PDB file of N, CA and C in Angstrom:
ATOM      1  N   MET A   1    -104.166  37.408 -20.620  1.00  0.00           N
ATOM      2  CA  MET A   1    -105.453  36.869 -20.988  1.00  0.00           C
ATOM      3  C   MET A   1    -106.151  37.896 -21.878  1.00  0.00           C
ATOM      4  N   ASN A   2    -106.515  37.463 -23.082  1.00  0.00           N
ATOM      5  CA  ASN A   2    -107.163  38.403 -23.972  1.00  0.00           C
ATOM      6  C   ASN A   2    -108.658  38.490 -23.683  1.00  0.00           C
ATOM      7  N   GLU A   3    -109.314  39.432 -24.351  1.00  0.00           N
ATOM      8  CA  GLU A   3    -110.729  39.699 -24.108  1.00  0.00           C
ATOM      9  C   GLU A   3    -111.598  38.479 -24.418  1.00  0.00           C
ATOM     10  N   GLU A   4    -111.215  37.722 -25.416  1.00  0.00           N
ATOM     11  CA  GLU A   4    -111.970  36.544 -25.821  1.00  0.00           C
ATOM     12  C   GLU A   4    -111.966  35.467 -24.735  1.00  0.00           C
ATOM     13  N   GLU A   5    -110.861  35.366 -23.978  1.00  0.00           N
ATOM     14  CA  GLU A   5    -110.728  34.335 -22.941  1.00  0.00           C
ATOM     15  C   GLU A   5    -111.341  34.737 -21.611  1.00  0.00           C
ATOM     16  N   LYS A   6    -111.651  36.024 -21.435  1.00  0.00           N
ATOM     17  CA  LYS A   6    -112.224  36.480 -20.162  1.00  0.00           C
ATOM     18  C   LYS A   6    -113.534  35.766 -19.888  1.00  0.00           C
ATOM     19  N   GLY A   7    -113.688  35.286 -18.677  1.00  0.00           N
ATOM     20  CA  GLY A   7    -114.901  34.600 -18.275  1.00  0.00           C
ATOM     21  C   GLY A   7    -114.941  33.134 -18.665  1.00  0.00           C
ATOM     22  N   ARG A   8    -113.928  32.663 -19.388  1.00  0.00           N
ATOM     23  CA  ARG A   8    -113.874  31.260 -19.815  1.00  0.00           C
ATOM     24  C   ARG A   8    -113.321  30.409 -18.688  1.00  0.00           C
ATOM     25  N   LEU A   9    -113.952  29.299 -18.417  1.00  0.00           N
ATOM     26  CA  LEU A   9    -113.451  28.361 -17.417  1.00  0.00           C
ATOM     27  C   LEU A   9    -112.407  27.469 -18.066  1.00  0.00           C
ATOM     28  N   ILE A  10    -111.420  27.071 -17.285  1.00  0.00           N
ATOM     29  CA  ILE A  10    -110.323  26.265 -17.817  1.00  0.00           C
ATOM     30  C   ILE A  10    -110.243  24.920 -17.093  1.00  0.00           C
ATOM     31  N   THR A  11    -109.557  23.977 -17.709  1.00  0.00           N
ATOM     32  CA  THR A  11    -109.376  22.646 -17.138  1.00  0.00           C
ATOM     33  C   THR A  11    -108.227  22.661 -16.133  1.00  0.00           C
ATOM     34  N   ALA A  12    -108.043  21.543 -15.430  1.00  0.00           N
ATOM     35  CA  ALA A  12    -106.945  21.420 -14.472  1.00  0.00           C
ATOM     36  C   ALA A  12    -105.591  21.518 -15.177  1.00  0.00           C
ATOM     37  N   VAL A  13    -105.497  20.957 -16.375  1.00  0.00           N
ATOM     38  CA  VAL A  13    -104.239  21.018 -17.126  1.00  0.00           C
ATOM     39  C   VAL A  13    -103.922  22.461 -17.509  1.00  0.00           C
ATOM     40  N   GLU A  14    -104.929  23.205 -17.962  1.00  0.00           N
ATOM     41  CA  GLU A  14    -104.725  24.613 -18.317  1.00  0.00           C
ATOM     42  C   GLU A  14    -104.394  25.446 -17.079  1.00  0.00           C
ATOM     43  N   CYS A  15    -105.032  25.119 -15.951  1.00  0.00           N
ATOM     44  CA  CYS A  15    -104.752  25.823 -14.698  1.00  0.00           C
ATOM     45  C   CYS A  15    -103.311  25.575 -14.266  1.00  0.00           C
ATOM     46  N   ALA A  16    -102.854  24.339 -14.409  1.00  0.00           N
ATOM     47  CA  ALA A  16    -101.473  23.994 -14.061  1.00  0.00           C
ATOM     48  C   ALA A  16    -100.500  24.794 -14.923  1.00  0.00           C
ATOM     49  N   ARG A  17    -100.790  24.890 -16.212  1.00  0.00           N
ATOM     50  CA  ARG A  17     -99.948  25.667 -17.127  1.00  0.00           C
ATOM     51  C   ARG A  17     -99.926  27.139 -16.721  1.00  0.00           C
ATOM     52  N   LEU A  18    -101.091  27.669 -16.365  1.00  0.00           N
ATOM     53  CA  LEU A  18    -101.211  29.072 -15.943  1.00  0.00           C
ATOM     54  C   LEU A  18    -100.347  29.364 -14.719  1.00  0.00           C
ATOM     55  N   LEU A  19    -100.329  28.433 -13.772  1.00  0.00           N
ATOM     56  CA  LEU A  19     -99.597  28.628 -12.514  1.00  0.00           C
ATOM     57  C   LEU A  19     -98.162  28.129 -12.569  1.00  0.00           C
ATOM     58  N   GLY A  20     -97.836  27.363 -13.575  1.00  0.00           N
ATOM     59  CA  GLY A  20     -96.481  26.812 -13.674  1.00  0.00           C
ATOM     60  C   GLY A  20     -96.231  25.701 -12.669  1.00  0.00           C
ATOM     61  N   VAL A  21     -97.272  24.917 -12.429  1.00  0.00           N
ATOM     62  CA  VAL A  21     -97.170  23.792 -11.501  1.00  0.00           C
ATOM     63  C   VAL A  21     -97.648  22.532 -12.216  1.00  0.00           C
ATOM     64  N   SER A  22     -97.560  21.402 -11.545  1.00  0.00           N
ATOM     65  CA  SER A  22     -98.008  20.154 -12.152  1.00  0.00           C
ATOM     66  C   SER A  22     -99.530  20.025 -12.051  1.00  0.00           C
ATOM     67  N   TRP A  23    -100.053  19.186 -12.925  1.00  0.00           N
ATOM     68  CA  TRP A  23    -101.476  18.894 -12.922  1.00  0.00           C
ATOM     69  C   TRP A  23    -101.886  18.298 -11.569  1.00  0.00           C
ATOM     70  N   SER A  24    -101.041  17.441 -11.016  1.00  0.00           N
ATOM     71  CA  SER A  24    -101.372  16.800  -9.737  1.00  0.00           C
ATOM     72  C   SER A  24    -101.423  17.819  -8.588  1.00  0.00           C
ATOM     73  N   TRP A  25    -100.587  18.871  -8.659  1.00  0.00           N
ATOM     74  CA  TRP A  25    -100.632  19.932  -7.642  1.00  0.00           C
ATOM     75  C   TRP A  25    -101.993  20.612  -7.674  1.00  0.00           C
ATOM     76  N   VAL A  26    -102.472  20.914  -8.865  1.00  0.00           N
ATOM     77  CA  VAL A  26    -103.779  21.566  -9.017  1.00  0.00           C
ATOM     78  C   VAL A  26    -104.878  20.679  -8.441  1.00  0.00           C
ATOM     79  N   ILE A  27    -104.861  19.405  -8.784  1.00  0.00           N
ATOM     80  CA  ILE A  27    -105.883  18.477  -8.290  1.00  0.00           C
ATOM     81  C   ILE A  27    -105.818  18.367  -6.766  1.00  0.00           C
ATOM     82  N   ARG A  28    -104.600  18.234  -6.220  1.00  0.00           N
ATOM     83  CA  ARG A  28    -104.427  18.136  -4.758  1.00  0.00           C
ATOM     84  C   ARG A  28    -104.981  19.366  -4.053  1.00  0.00           C
ATOM     85  N   HIS A  29    -104.741  20.544  -4.618  1.00  0.00           N
ATOM     86  CA  HIS A  29    -105.178  21.787  -3.987  1.00  0.00           C
ATOM     87  C   HIS A  29    -106.613  22.183  -4.361  1.00  0.00           C
ATOM     88  N   SER A  30    -107.287  21.297  -5.064  1.00  0.00           N
ATOM     89  CA  SER A  30    -108.705  21.478  -5.369  1.00  0.00           C
ATOM     90  C   SER A  30    -109.577  20.709  -4.390  1.00  0.00           C
ATOM     91  N   ALA A  31    -108.965  19.809  -3.649  1.00  0.00           N
ATOM     92  CA  ALA A  31    -109.709  18.951  -2.715  1.00  0.00           C
ATOM     93  C   ALA A  31    -110.249  19.769  -1.547  1.00  0.00           C
ATOM     94  N   PRO A  32    -111.460  19.449  -1.099  1.00  0.00           N
ATOM     95  CA  PRO A  32    -112.031  20.165   0.053  1.00  0.00           C
ATOM     96  C   PRO A  32    -111.168  20.059   1.308  1.00  0.00           C
ATOM     97  N   SER A  33    -110.361  19.014   1.419  1.00  0.00           N
ATOM     98  CA  SER A  33    -109.537  18.814   2.620  1.00  0.00           C
ATOM     99  C   SER A  33    -108.172  19.512   2.529  1.00  0.00           C
ATOM    100  N   ALA A  34    -107.859  20.154   1.412  1.00  0.00           N
ATOM    101  CA  ALA A  34    -106.550  20.801   1.242  1.00  0.00           C
ATOM    102  C   ALA A  34    -106.405  21.987   2.188  1.00  0.00           C
ATOM    103  N   LYS A  35    -105.208  22.122   2.790  1.00  0.00           N
ATOM    104  CA  LYS A  35    -104.946  23.272   3.662  1.00  0.00           C
ATOM    105  C   LYS A  35    -105.017  24.570   2.869  1.00  0.00           C
ATOM    106  N   PHE A  36    -104.362  24.592   1.713  1.00  0.00           N
ATOM    107  CA  PHE A  36    -104.447  25.731   0.803  1.00  0.00           C
ATOM    108  C   PHE A  36    -105.269  25.276  -0.390  1.00  0.00           C
ATOM    109  N   ARG A  37    -106.457  25.819  -0.525  1.00  0.00           N
ATOM    110  CA  ARG A  37    -107.380  25.371  -1.568  1.00  0.00           C
ATOM    111  C   ARG A  37    -107.563  26.467  -2.616  1.00  0.00           C
ATOM    112  N   ILE A  38    -107.425  26.071  -3.869  1.00  0.00           N
ATOM    113  CA  ILE A  38    -107.693  27.015  -4.948  1.00  0.00           C
ATOM    114  C   ILE A  38    -109.168  26.896  -5.333  1.00  0.00           C
ATOM    115  N   PRO A  39    -109.759  27.999  -5.809  1.00  0.00           N
ATOM    116  CA  PRO A  39    -111.179  27.962  -6.156  1.00  0.00           C
ATOM    117  C   PRO A  39    -111.439  27.036  -7.347  1.00  0.00           C
ATOM    118  N   VAL A  40    -112.413  26.185  -7.192  1.00  0.00           N
ATOM    119  CA  VAL A  40    -112.763  25.207  -8.226  1.00  0.00           C
ATOM    120  C   VAL A  40    -114.272  25.034  -8.224  1.00  0.00           C
ATOM    121  N   MET A  41    -114.812  24.662  -9.366  1.00  0.00           N
ATOM    122  CA  MET A  41    -116.239  24.351  -9.435  1.00  0.00           C
ATOM    123  C   MET A  41    -116.428  23.103 -10.286  1.00  0.00           C
ATOM    124  N   LYS A  42    -117.506  22.413 -10.012  1.00  0.00           N
ATOM    125  CA  LYS A  42    -117.831  21.239 -10.818  1.00  0.00           C
ATOM    126  C   LYS A  42    -118.872  21.650 -11.852  1.00  0.00           C
ATOM    127  N   VAL A  43    -118.591  21.315 -13.090  1.00  0.00           N
ATOM    128  CA  VAL A  43    -119.518  21.570 -14.188  1.00  0.00           C
ATOM    129  C   VAL A  43    -119.779  20.222 -14.854  1.00  0.00           C
ATOM    130  N   GLY A  44    -120.969  19.718 -14.662  1.00  0.00           N
ATOM    131  CA  GLY A  44    -121.292  18.410 -15.221  1.00  0.00           C
ATOM    132  C   GLY A  44    -120.382  17.305 -14.715  1.00  0.00           C
ATOM    133  N   GLY A  45    -119.939  17.421 -13.451  1.00  0.00           N
ATOM    134  CA  GLY A  45    -119.070  16.409 -12.864  1.00  0.00           C
ATOM    135  C   GLY A  45    -117.593  16.616 -13.148  1.00  0.00           C
ATOM    136  N   LEU A  46    -117.253  17.616 -13.954  1.00  0.00           N
ATOM    137  CA  LEU A  46    -115.851  17.904 -14.285  1.00  0.00           C
ATOM    138  C   LEU A  46    -115.368  19.112 -13.504  1.00  0.00           C
ATOM    139  N   LEU A  47    -114.096  19.098 -13.097  1.00  0.00           N
ATOM    140  CA  LEU A  47    -113.518  20.235 -12.389  1.00  0.00           C
ATOM    141  C   LEU A  47    -113.168  21.331 -13.387  1.00  0.00           C
ATOM    142  N   ARG A  48    -113.567  22.559 -13.072  1.00  0.00           N
ATOM    143  CA  ARG A  48    -113.245  23.713 -13.909  1.00  0.00           C
ATOM    144  C   ARG A  48    -112.813  24.863 -13.018  1.00  0.00           C
ATOM    145  N   TYR A  49    -111.968  25.715 -13.565  1.00  0.00           N
ATOM    146  CA  TYR A  49    -111.349  26.808 -12.811  1.00  0.00           C
ATOM    147  C   TYR A  49    -111.570  28.122 -13.533  1.00  0.00           C
ATOM    148  N   ASP A  50    -111.827  29.181 -12.759  1.00  0.00           N
ATOM    149  CA  ASP A  50    -111.901  30.525 -13.304  1.00  0.00           C
ATOM    150  C   ASP A  50    -110.505  31.118 -13.119  1.00  0.00           C
ATOM    151  N   PRO A  51    -109.783  31.376 -14.211  1.00  0.00           N
ATOM    152  CA  PRO A  51    -108.395  31.835 -14.092  1.00  0.00           C
ATOM    153  C   PRO A  51    -108.235  33.092 -13.240  1.00  0.00           C
ATOM    154  N   GLU A  52    -109.186  34.019 -13.338  1.00  0.00           N
ATOM    155  CA  GLU A  52    -109.094  35.261 -12.552  1.00  0.00           C
ATOM    156  C   GLU A  52    -109.204  34.967 -11.063  1.00  0.00           C
ATOM    157  N   GLN A  53    -110.118  34.071 -10.686  1.00  0.00           N
ATOM    158  CA  GLN A  53    -110.277  33.709  -9.272  1.00  0.00           C
ATOM    159  C   GLN A  53    -109.064  32.964  -8.745  1.00  0.00           C
ATOM    160  N   VAL A  54    -108.514  32.075  -9.558  1.00  0.00           N
ATOM    161  CA  VAL A  54    -107.342  31.303  -9.141  1.00  0.00           C
ATOM    162  C   VAL A  54    -106.155  32.242  -8.911  1.00  0.00           C
ATOM    163  N   LEU A  55    -105.914  33.144  -9.851  1.00  0.00           N
ATOM    164  CA  LEU A  55    -104.788  34.081  -9.709  1.00  0.00           C
ATOM    165  C   LEU A  55    -104.984  35.005  -8.514  1.00  0.00           C
ATOM    166  N   ALA A  56    -106.220  35.452  -8.275  1.00  0.00           N
ATOM    167  CA  ALA A  56    -106.498  36.309  -7.116  1.00  0.00           C
ATOM    168  C   ALA A  56    -106.245  35.539  -5.817  1.00  0.00           C
ATOM    169  N   CYS A  57    -106.620  34.274  -5.783  1.00  0.00           N
ATOM    170  CA  CYS A  57    -106.387  33.429  -4.606  1.00  0.00           C
ATOM    171  C   CYS A  57    -104.890  33.300  -4.324  1.00  0.00           C
ATOM    172  N   ILE A  58    -104.104  33.074  -5.363  1.00  0.00           N
ATOM    173  CA  ILE A  58    -102.648  32.949  -5.208  1.00  0.00           C
ATOM    174  C   ILE A  58    -102.061  34.270  -4.729  1.00  0.00           C
ATOM    175  N   ARG A  59    -102.500  35.376  -5.320  1.00  0.00           N
ATOM    176  CA  ARG A  59    -102.002  36.704  -4.899  1.00  0.00           C
ATOM    177  C   ARG A  59    -102.318  36.956  -3.427  1.00  0.00           C
ATOM    178  N   ASN A  60    -103.555  36.640  -3.013  1.00  0.00           N
ATOM    179  CA  ASN A  60    -103.958  36.853  -1.617  1.00  0.00           C
ATOM    180  C   ASN A  60    -103.158  35.972  -0.665  1.00  0.00           C
ATOM    181  N   ALA A  61    -102.877  34.761  -1.064  1.00  0.00           N
ATOM    182  CA  ALA A  61    -102.099  33.852  -0.214  1.00  0.00           C
ATOM    183  C   ALA A  61    -100.682  34.384  -0.028  1.00  0.00           C
ATOM    184  N   ASN A  62    -100.115  34.961  -1.075  1.00  0.00           N
ATOM    185  CA  ASN A  62     -98.762  35.506  -0.991  1.00  0.00           C
ATOM    186  C   ASN A  62     -98.718  36.813  -0.218  1.00  0.00           C
ATOM    187  N   ALA A  63     -99.834  37.522  -0.150  1.00  0.00           N
ATOM    188  CA  ALA A  63     -99.869  38.799   0.562  1.00  0.00           C
ATOM    189  C   ALA A  63    -100.155  38.631   2.052  1.00  0.00           C
ATOM    190  N   THR A  64    -100.651  37.458   2.446  1.00  0.00           N
ATOM    191  CA  THR A  64    -100.989  37.204   3.842  1.00  0.00           C
ATOM    192  C   THR A  64     -99.728  36.877   4.622  1.00  0.00           C
ATOM    193  N   PRO A  65     -99.463  37.630   5.711  1.00  0.00           N
ATOM    194  CA  PRO A  65     -98.270  37.335   6.506  1.00  0.00           C
ATOM    195  C   PRO A  65     -98.375  35.949   7.154  1.00  0.00           C
ATOM    196  N   LYS A  66     -97.283  35.254   7.156  1.00  0.00           N
ATOM    197  CA  LYS A  66     -97.225  33.913   7.757  1.00  0.00           C
ATOM    198  C   LYS A  66     -96.690  34.041   9.188  1.00  0.00           C
ATOM    199  N   SER A  67     -97.255  33.250  10.089  1.00  0.00           N
ATOM    200  CA  SER A  67     -96.716  33.239  11.450  1.00  0.00           C
ATOM    201  C   SER A  67     -95.481  32.351  11.483  1.00  0.00           C
ATOM    202  N   VAL A  68     -94.516  32.766  12.253  1.00  0.00           N
ATOM    203  CA  VAL A  68     -93.272  32.019  12.349  1.00  0.00           C
ATOM    204  C   VAL A  68     -93.182  31.411  13.736  1.00  0.00           C
ATOM    205  N   GLY A  69     -92.959  30.101  13.760  1.00  0.00           N
ATOM    206  CA  GLY A  69     -92.835  29.419  15.061  1.00  0.00           C
ATOM    207  C   GLY A  69     -91.528  29.782  15.748  1.00  0.00           C
ATOM    208  N   VAL A  70     -91.552  29.830  17.073  1.00  0.00           N
ATOM    209  CA  VAL A  70     -90.339  30.196  17.832  1.00  0.00           C
ATOM    210  C   VAL A  70     -89.700  28.968  18.384  1.00  0.00           C
TER     211      VAL A  70
END
């Protein structure tokens, strides 16, 4: 991410491209009811994502140890 893009909010399609997932995955994980929720905000009724927050959320999720059922 270059200096010009810092602080810029991105669309769900751009977020999907950033994460290498489908647009529908991003939308599903933006819902308040999602078990794993990525940070999202509404701007004028549209969903927008802060790329730095989204990447930090993914990093934190991967760093959190998972419990294993016995």
